[in-house]
N, C-alpha and C. Protein backbone atom coordinates (compact mmCIF):
# COMPACT_ATOMS: atom_id res chain seq x y z
N UNK A 1 38.00 30.06 -19.90
CA UNK A 1 37.94 31.03 -19.28
C UNK A 1 38.40 32.57 -20.12
N UNK A 2 38.19 33.45 -20.63
CA UNK A 2 38.51 35.00 -20.70
C UNK A 2 38.90 35.85 -19.22
N UNK A 3 40.16 35.85 -19.81
CA UNK A 3 41.16 37.09 -19.30
C UNK A 3 41.07 38.27 -19.79
N UNK A 4 39.96 39.56 -18.78
CA UNK A 4 40.50 40.62 -19.61
C UNK A 4 42.18 41.16 -19.39
N UNK A 5 42.31 42.13 -20.39
CA UNK A 5 43.33 43.28 -20.20
C UNK A 5 43.77 44.33 -19.19
N UNK A 6 42.37 44.95 -18.07
CA UNK A 6 42.57 45.29 -17.07
C UNK A 6 43.62 46.90 -17.87
N UNK A 7 43.92 47.06 -16.29
CA UNK A 7 44.94 48.69 -16.94
C UNK A 7 45.83 48.05 -16.89
N UNK A 8 45.99 48.96 -18.21
CA UNK A 8 47.19 48.71 -19.51
C UNK A 8 48.43 49.33 -18.27
N UNK A 9 49.60 48.58 -18.21
CA UNK A 9 50.76 49.66 -17.61
C UNK A 9 51.75 49.73 -18.62
N UNK A 10 52.07 49.15 -19.50
CA UNK A 10 52.91 49.18 -20.68
C UNK A 10 52.65 48.96 -21.82
N UNK A 11 53.11 49.86 -23.19
CA UNK A 11 52.86 49.62 -24.25
C UNK A 11 53.76 50.04 -25.19
N UNK A 12 53.52 48.96 -26.73
CA UNK A 12 54.74 49.33 -27.38
C UNK A 12 54.15 49.23 -28.79
N UNK A 13 54.68 49.67 -30.05
CA UNK A 13 53.88 50.24 -31.05
C UNK A 13 55.13 49.65 -31.94
N UNK A 14 54.26 48.45 -32.27
CA UNK A 14 55.64 47.76 -33.13
C UNK A 14 55.81 48.14 -34.93
N UNK A 15 55.84 48.43 -36.20
CA UNK A 15 55.75 48.25 -37.99
C UNK A 15 56.15 47.31 -38.24
N UNK A 16 55.24 47.42 -39.43
CA UNK A 16 56.00 46.11 -40.58
C UNK A 16 55.59 47.07 -41.82
N UNK A 17 56.82 46.91 -41.94
CA UNK A 17 57.42 47.15 -43.26
C UNK A 17 57.12 47.01 -44.34
N UNK A 18 56.59 48.94 -45.12
CA UNK A 18 56.12 48.34 -46.41
C UNK A 18 54.04 48.18 -46.27
N UNK A 19 53.22 48.57 -44.94
CA UNK A 19 52.43 48.66 -44.44
C UNK A 19 51.93 48.78 -43.52
N UNK A 20 52.52 50.07 -43.54
CA UNK A 20 51.99 51.96 -42.67
C UNK A 20 51.10 51.87 -42.28
N UNK A 21 49.81 50.82 -42.48
CA UNK A 21 48.65 51.34 -42.04
C UNK A 21 48.13 49.98 -41.23
N UNK A 22 48.96 49.24 -40.71
CA UNK A 22 49.14 48.41 -39.72
C UNK A 22 49.16 49.29 -38.15
N UNK A 23 47.53 49.07 -37.55
CA UNK A 23 48.51 49.87 -35.99
C UNK A 23 48.74 48.28 -35.12
N UNK A 24 50.05 47.75 -34.64
CA UNK A 24 49.78 47.05 -33.94
C UNK A 24 51.10 46.96 -33.23
N UNK A 25 49.92 46.71 -31.76
CA UNK A 25 50.47 47.26 -30.63
C UNK A 25 50.63 45.88 -29.88
N UNK A 26 51.91 46.41 -28.81
CA UNK A 26 52.06 44.90 -27.06
C UNK A 26 51.42 45.85 -26.76
N UNK A 27 50.61 45.32 -25.00
CA UNK A 27 50.47 45.97 -24.15
C UNK A 27 50.17 44.31 -23.31
N UNK A 28 50.67 45.81 -22.18
CA UNK A 28 50.43 45.07 -21.35
C UNK A 28 50.05 45.21 -19.97
N UNK A 29 48.88 44.68 -19.73
CA UNK A 29 48.24 44.74 -18.52
C UNK A 29 48.96 44.23 -16.60
N UNK A 30 48.27 44.96 -16.21
CA UNK A 30 48.74 44.82 -13.98
C UNK A 30 48.65 43.57 -13.86
N UNK A 31 49.09 42.92 -13.32
CA UNK A 31 49.69 41.11 -13.23
C UNK A 31 48.75 41.71 -11.70
N UNK A 32 47.84 40.37 -11.37
CA UNK A 32 46.81 39.87 -10.84
C UNK A 32 46.41 39.07 -10.11
N UNK A 33 45.82 38.78 -8.86
CA UNK A 33 46.17 37.62 -8.37
C UNK A 33 44.83 36.13 -8.95
N UNK A 34 45.12 35.31 -9.26
CA UNK A 34 44.68 34.28 -9.97
C UNK A 34 43.20 34.43 -9.20
N UNK A 35 42.00 34.67 -10.24
CA UNK A 35 40.50 34.40 -9.64
C UNK A 35 40.57 33.56 -8.56
N UNK A 36 40.17 31.46 -8.38
CA UNK A 36 40.39 30.97 -7.31
C UNK A 36 41.31 29.84 -6.96
N UNK A 37 42.47 30.66 -7.12
CA UNK A 37 43.57 29.50 -6.63
C UNK A 37 43.76 29.97 -5.11
N UNK A 38 44.01 28.55 -5.20
CA UNK A 38 43.89 28.59 -3.07
C UNK A 38 45.44 28.05 -2.83
N UNK A 39 46.41 28.52 -4.33
CA UNK A 39 48.57 29.23 -3.71
C UNK A 39 48.51 30.45 -4.34
N UNK A 40 48.83 31.20 -3.66
CA UNK A 40 48.78 32.71 -3.69
C UNK A 40 49.74 33.40 -5.24
N UNK A 41 49.27 32.53 -6.30
CA UNK A 41 50.29 32.99 -7.61
C UNK A 41 48.97 33.58 -8.11
N UNK A 42 50.02 33.97 -9.51
CA UNK A 42 49.01 36.15 -10.47
C UNK A 42 49.27 35.35 -12.09
N UNK A 43 48.96 36.36 -12.41
CA UNK A 43 48.98 36.22 -13.74
C UNK A 43 49.39 37.69 -14.33
N UNK A 44 49.91 37.70 -15.65
CA UNK A 44 49.92 38.80 -16.21
C UNK A 44 49.18 39.09 -17.45
N UNK A 45 48.62 39.75 -18.36
CA UNK A 45 47.63 39.57 -18.93
C UNK A 45 48.47 40.13 -20.72
N UNK A 46 48.69 40.11 -21.41
CA UNK A 46 49.11 40.80 -22.17
C UNK A 46 48.41 40.92 -23.92
N UNK A 47 48.50 41.85 -25.18
CA UNK A 47 48.17 41.28 -26.04
C UNK A 47 48.28 42.19 -26.75
N UNK A 48 48.31 40.86 -28.17
CA UNK A 48 48.93 42.17 -29.35
C UNK A 48 47.77 42.30 -30.32
N UNK A 49 47.33 43.36 -30.62
CA UNK A 49 46.97 44.02 -31.58
C UNK A 49 46.91 44.62 -32.96
N UNK A 50 45.46 44.59 -34.02
CA UNK A 50 46.41 45.41 -35.25
C UNK A 50 46.74 43.67 -36.56
N UNK A 51 46.76 42.66 -35.86
CA UNK A 51 47.48 41.36 -37.11
C UNK A 51 46.02 40.56 -36.09
N UNK A 52 45.77 39.69 -37.01
CA UNK A 52 45.01 38.32 -37.39
C UNK A 52 44.37 38.49 -35.51
N UNK A 53 44.72 37.92 -34.64
CA UNK A 53 43.62 37.85 -33.32
C UNK A 53 43.86 38.89 -32.28
N UNK A 54 43.69 38.93 -31.89
CA UNK A 54 43.79 40.19 -30.90
C UNK A 54 43.57 40.33 -29.36
N UNK A 55 43.28 38.35 -28.93
CA UNK A 55 42.86 37.62 -28.37
C UNK A 55 43.22 38.05 -27.04
N UNK A 56 43.87 38.19 -25.85
CA UNK A 56 44.09 38.31 -24.79
C UNK A 56 45.12 36.92 -24.53
N UNK A 57 45.77 36.92 -24.10
CA UNK A 57 46.77 35.81 -23.35
C UNK A 57 47.10 35.96 -21.48
N UNK A 58 48.15 35.03 -20.67
CA UNK A 58 48.73 35.82 -19.82
C UNK A 58 49.86 35.04 -19.35
N UNK A 59 50.29 35.45 -19.39
CA UNK A 59 51.53 34.26 -18.46
C UNK A 59 51.50 34.27 -16.42
N UNK A 60 51.33 32.99 -16.45
CA UNK A 60 51.71 32.82 -14.84
C UNK A 60 52.82 32.95 -13.85
N UNK A 61 52.68 32.68 -13.14
CA UNK A 61 53.89 33.29 -12.10
C UNK A 61 53.51 33.45 -11.05
N UNK A 62 54.33 33.03 -9.71
CA UNK A 62 54.60 33.07 -8.45
C UNK A 62 53.61 34.20 -7.49
N UNK A 63 54.06 35.27 -7.86
CA UNK A 63 54.31 36.87 -7.80
C UNK A 63 53.51 37.36 -8.51
N UNK A 64 53.57 38.58 -8.78
CA UNK A 64 53.56 39.29 -9.58
C UNK A 64 54.35 39.47 -10.44
N UNK A 65 55.93 39.83 -10.31
CA UNK A 65 57.07 40.20 -10.81
C UNK A 65 57.54 38.33 -11.51
N UNK A 66 56.64 37.77 -11.06
CA UNK A 66 57.42 36.34 -11.75
C UNK A 66 56.46 36.59 -13.67
N UNK A 67 54.91 36.70 -12.52
CA UNK A 67 53.77 36.93 -14.21
C UNK A 67 54.06 37.64 -15.17
N UNK A 68 55.00 38.70 -14.67
CA UNK A 68 54.99 40.03 -15.89
C UNK A 68 56.20 39.85 -16.47
N UNK A 69 57.44 38.99 -16.02
CA UNK A 69 58.30 38.84 -16.39
C UNK A 69 58.58 37.68 -16.94
N UNK A 70 57.92 37.25 -17.14
CA UNK A 70 57.21 35.81 -17.87
C UNK A 70 56.58 36.15 -18.84
N UNK A 71 55.93 36.82 -18.63
CA UNK A 71 54.71 37.28 -19.99
C UNK A 71 55.76 38.42 -21.04
N UNK A 72 56.75 39.06 -20.70
CA UNK A 72 57.90 39.11 -20.97
C UNK A 72 58.69 38.75 -22.76
N UNK A 73 58.53 37.72 -21.65
CA UNK A 73 59.91 36.68 -22.49
C UNK A 73 59.23 35.80 -23.41
N UNK A 74 58.02 35.62 -22.82
CA UNK A 74 56.95 34.87 -24.19
C UNK A 74 56.54 35.94 -25.70
N UNK A 75 56.65 37.21 -25.17
CA UNK A 75 55.95 38.25 -26.08
C UNK A 75 56.87 37.71 -27.60
N UNK A 76 58.05 37.92 -27.39
CA UNK A 76 59.25 37.51 -28.79
C UNK A 76 59.07 36.45 -29.87
N UNK A 77 58.43 35.27 -29.04
CA UNK A 77 58.16 34.40 -29.43
C UNK A 77 56.77 34.38 -30.39
N UNK A 78 56.12 35.28 -29.12
CA UNK A 78 54.95 35.14 -30.25
C UNK A 78 54.81 36.33 -31.26
N UNK A 79 55.10 37.21 -30.99
CA UNK A 79 55.79 37.97 -32.36
C UNK A 79 56.90 37.46 -32.93
N UNK A 80 57.50 37.04 -33.24
CA UNK A 80 58.01 35.93 -34.05
C UNK A 80 57.55 35.00 -35.18
N UNK A 81 56.42 34.56 -34.44
CA UNK A 81 55.32 33.27 -34.94
C UNK A 81 55.00 34.45 -36.24
N UNK A 82 53.78 35.13 -35.33
CA UNK A 82 53.73 36.84 -36.33
C UNK A 82 54.24 37.45 -37.35
N UNK A 83 55.88 37.11 -37.12
CA UNK A 83 56.83 37.78 -37.85
C UNK A 83 56.67 36.64 -39.22
N UNK A 84 56.36 35.69 -39.13
CA UNK A 84 56.63 35.03 -40.23
C UNK A 84 54.66 34.60 -41.16
N UNK A 85 54.09 35.11 -40.40
CA UNK A 85 52.72 35.87 -41.53
C UNK A 85 52.81 37.24 -41.42
N UNK A 86 53.53 37.59 -40.61
CA UNK A 86 53.46 39.30 -41.87
C UNK A 86 54.87 40.08 -41.93
N UNK A 87 55.91 39.53 -42.90
CA UNK A 87 57.01 40.34 -43.40
C UNK A 87 57.33 41.38 -42.43
N UNK A 88 58.28 41.70 -42.39
CA UNK A 88 58.88 43.64 -42.28
C UNK A 88 58.33 43.41 -41.00
N UNK A 89 57.88 43.03 -39.73
CA UNK A 89 57.60 42.94 -38.17
C UNK A 89 58.28 43.35 -37.50
N UNK A 90 58.61 44.57 -37.17
CA UNK A 90 59.63 45.05 -35.88
C UNK A 90 59.39 45.64 -35.23
N UNK A 91 60.72 46.13 -34.42
CA UNK A 91 60.33 47.63 -33.03
C UNK A 91 60.60 48.76 -33.99
N UNK A 92 60.02 49.67 -34.70
CA UNK A 92 60.55 51.33 -34.94
C UNK A 92 61.34 51.15 -35.96
N UNK A 93 62.12 51.91 -35.73
CA UNK A 93 63.57 51.33 -36.91
C UNK A 93 64.48 49.85 -36.85
N UNK A 94 64.19 49.65 -35.76
CA UNK A 94 65.22 48.40 -36.00
C UNK A 94 64.70 46.78 -36.54
N UNK A 95 65.21 46.50 -37.18
CA UNK A 95 65.70 45.39 -38.33
C UNK A 95 64.67 44.40 -38.21
N UNK A 96 64.44 43.24 -39.28
CA UNK A 96 62.34 43.11 -38.83
C UNK A 96 63.28 41.86 -38.02
N UNK A 97 61.93 41.74 -37.06
CA UNK A 97 62.52 40.26 -35.97
C UNK A 97 63.14 40.62 -35.13
N UNK A 98 63.70 41.76 -33.70
CA UNK A 98 64.12 42.92 -33.45
C UNK A 98 62.76 43.35 -32.64
N UNK A 99 62.32 43.17 -31.73
CA UNK A 99 60.53 43.66 -31.06
C UNK A 99 61.26 44.60 -30.27
N UNK A 100 63.01 44.69 -29.55
CA UNK A 100 63.16 45.76 -28.57
C UNK A 100 63.16 44.84 -27.17
N UNK A 101 63.21 43.56 -26.94
CA UNK A 101 62.72 42.62 -25.76
C UNK A 101 64.00 42.20 -25.55
N UNK A 102 64.85 42.53 -24.79
CA UNK A 102 65.76 42.12 -24.36
C UNK A 102 66.10 39.97 -23.82
N UNK A 103 66.58 39.46 -24.81
CA UNK A 103 66.53 38.25 -24.38
C UNK A 103 68.02 37.88 -23.21
N UNK A 104 67.79 37.36 -22.35
CA UNK A 104 68.60 36.78 -20.94
C UNK A 104 68.81 35.95 -21.07
N UNK A 105 69.89 35.06 -21.11
CA UNK A 105 70.53 33.61 -21.38
C UNK A 105 70.90 33.73 -20.21
N UNK A 106 70.84 31.61 -19.71
CA UNK A 106 71.08 31.71 -18.94
C UNK A 106 72.75 30.80 -18.37
């Protein structure tokens, strides 16, 4: 099943040091109910553009808030994997590997 990004509710621009021509963006779409779920579960689509694959992915949750929260928690791991192939990837003037997402430790 292919997921559409839909309406973008948030976007963050990233940079790759030494490659100013790259326009890397993280886009988060509106959380929505799963299409054919018998339960009231939701998904939150997100997309990373400007590097490698720009496929829309999603995080699922019991409601829209949890789906959004999980998408935001997944993004640093996905961006870190991309940083392995694109050294210098980071958020604005932050250090390499800092994408501006707060990590919550339990």
